[in-house]
C-alpha atoms as a PDB file:
ATOM      1  CA  MET A   1      -7.415 -31.612 -48.873  1.00  0.00           C
ATOM      2  CA  LYS A   2      -4.829 -29.256 -47.421  1.00  0.00           C
ATOM      3  CA  ASP A   3      -2.797 -30.113 -44.344  1.00  0.00           C
ATOM      4  CA  ASP A   4      -3.862 -27.883 -41.425  1.00  0.00           C
ATOM      5  CA  ARG A   5      -0.244 -27.577 -40.282  1.00  0.00           C
ATOM      6  CA  LEU A   6       0.809 -26.203 -43.654  1.00  0.00           C
ATOM      7  CA  LEU A   7      -2.106 -23.761 -43.627  1.00  0.00           C
ATOM      8  CA  LYS A   8      -1.160 -22.534 -40.138  1.00  0.00           C
ATOM      9  CA  LEU A   9       2.482 -22.152 -41.099  1.00  0.00           C
ATOM     10  CA  GLY A  10       1.519 -20.241 -44.233  1.00  0.00           C
ATOM     11  CA  GLN A  11      -0.747 -17.951 -42.211  1.00  0.00           C
ATOM     12  CA  LYS A  12       2.036 -17.335 -39.699  1.00  0.00           C
ATOM     13  CA  ILE A  13       4.530 -16.458 -42.442  1.00  0.00           C
ATOM     14  CA  ARG A  14       2.028 -14.104 -44.088  1.00  0.00           C
ATOM     15  CA  TYR A  15       1.254 -12.533 -40.689  1.00  0.00           C
ATOM     16  CA  GLU A  16       4.949 -11.942 -39.971  1.00  0.00           C
ATOM     17  CA  ARG A  17       5.494 -10.550 -43.479  1.00  0.00           C
ATOM     18  CA  MET A  18       2.537  -8.170 -43.260  1.00  0.00           C
ATOM     19  CA  LYS A  19       3.494  -7.097 -39.714  1.00  0.00           C
ATOM     20  CA  ARG A  20       6.804  -5.915 -41.174  1.00  0.00           C
ATOM     21  CA  ASN A  21       5.158  -4.259 -44.202  1.00  0.00           C
ATOM     22  CA  LEU A  22       7.023  -6.539 -46.590  1.00  0.00           C
ATOM     23  CA  SER A  23       5.770  -7.591 -49.998  1.00  0.00           C
ATOM     24  CA  GLN A  24       6.449 -11.098 -51.185  1.00  0.00           C
ATOM     25  CA  GLU A  25       9.138  -9.591 -53.411  1.00  0.00           C
ATOM     26  CA  ASP A  26      10.752  -7.910 -50.387  1.00  0.00           C
ATOM     27  CA  LEU A  27      10.765 -11.210 -48.521  1.00  0.00           C
ATOM     28  CA  GLU A  28      12.243 -12.898 -51.582  1.00  0.00           C
ATOM     29  CA  GLU A  29      15.155 -10.433 -51.510  1.00  0.00           C
ATOM     30  CA  LYS A  30      15.712 -10.847 -47.763  1.00  0.00           C
ATOM     31  CA  SER A  31      15.406 -14.644 -47.659  1.00  0.00           C
ATOM     32  CA  SER A  32      16.544 -15.822 -51.125  1.00  0.00           C
ATOM     33  CA  VAL A  33      13.307 -17.850 -51.313  1.00  0.00           C
ATOM     34  CA  SER A  34      11.457 -17.218 -54.572  1.00  0.00           C
ATOM     35  CA  ARG A  35       8.310 -15.114 -54.544  1.00  0.00           C
ATOM     36  CA  ARG A  36       6.414 -17.984 -56.148  1.00  0.00           C
ATOM     37  CA  ALA A  37       7.528 -20.372 -53.385  1.00  0.00           C
ATOM     38  CA  ILE A  38       6.534 -17.804 -50.743  1.00  0.00           C
ATOM     39  CA  SER A  39       3.102 -17.471 -52.353  1.00  0.00           C
ATOM     40  CA  GLU A  40       2.596 -21.246 -52.412  1.00  0.00           C
ATOM     41  CA  ILE A  41       3.789 -21.575 -48.794  1.00  0.00           C
ATOM     42  CA  GLU A  42       1.503 -18.766 -47.572  1.00  0.00           C
ATOM     43  CA  ARG A  43      -1.493 -20.452 -49.187  1.00  0.00           C
ATOM     44  CA  GLY A  44      -0.585 -23.825 -47.688  1.00  0.00           C
ATOM     45  CA  ASN A  45      -0.238 -25.361 -51.136  1.00  0.00           C
ATOM     46  CA  THR A  46       3.215 -26.836 -50.656  1.00  0.00           C
ATOM     47  CA  ASP A  47       5.395 -28.381 -48.024  1.00  0.00           C
ATOM     48  CA  ILE A  48       8.268 -26.101 -47.049  1.00  0.00           C
ATOM     49  CA  ARG A  49      11.878 -27.212 -47.154  1.00  0.00           C
ATOM     50  CA  TYR A  50      13.846 -26.796 -43.929  1.00  0.00           C
ATOM     51  CA  THR A  51      16.361 -24.504 -45.622  1.00  0.00           C
ATOM     52  CA  ASN A  52      13.582 -22.218 -46.880  1.00  0.00           C
ATOM     53  CA  LEU A  53      11.957 -22.170 -43.452  1.00  0.00           C
ATOM     54  CA  TYR A  54      15.289 -21.271 -41.857  1.00  0.00           C
ATOM     55  CA  GLN A  55      15.930 -18.501 -44.421  1.00  0.00           C
ATOM     56  CA  ILE A  56      12.456 -17.005 -43.963  1.00  0.00           C
ATOM     57  CA  ALA A  57      12.791 -17.052 -40.173  1.00  0.00           C
ATOM     58  CA  GLY A  58      16.157 -15.310 -40.496  1.00  0.00           C
ATOM     59  CA  ALA A  59      14.698 -12.668 -42.809  1.00  0.00           C
ATOM     60  CA  PHE A  60      12.172 -11.864 -40.082  1.00  0.00           C
ATOM     61  CA  GLY A  61      14.862 -11.823 -37.391  1.00  0.00           C
ATOM     62  CA  LEU A  62      13.238 -14.835 -35.720  1.00  0.00           C
ATOM     63  CA  ASN A  63      14.534 -18.227 -34.704  1.00  0.00           C
ATOM     64  CA  LEU A  64      12.678 -21.306 -35.913  1.00  0.00           C
ATOM     65  CA  SER A  65      10.818 -21.879 -32.650  1.00  0.00           C
ATOM     66  CA  GLU A  66       9.424 -18.335 -32.794  1.00  0.00           C
ATOM     67  CA  LEU A  67       8.287 -18.797 -36.390  1.00  0.00           C
ATOM     68  CA  LEU A  68       6.687 -22.139 -35.565  1.00  0.00           C
ATOM     69  CA  ASN A  69       4.713 -20.665 -32.645  1.00  0.00           C
ATOM     70  CA  PHE A  70       1.259 -20.385 -34.242  1.00  0.00           C
ATOM     71  CA  GLN A  71      -0.310 -18.249 -31.528  1.00  0.00           C
ATOM     72  CA  LEU A  72      -0.863 -15.002 -33.419  1.00  0.00           C
END
């Protein structure tokens, strides 16, 4: 059973990526987080490391609190 928090975080990351018209490969280049890790995170299949979360937020030009705000 997947953790609802991980699913919400994955949905938020995918939403932010799509809003910016970025592919997973584009986000990989901007964040230095592998495309495979991004895919797993977006699907809620894995827990995200703090450093990856911080790098993804930075790639979007967001701070962590903005990325963790799940109100889409």
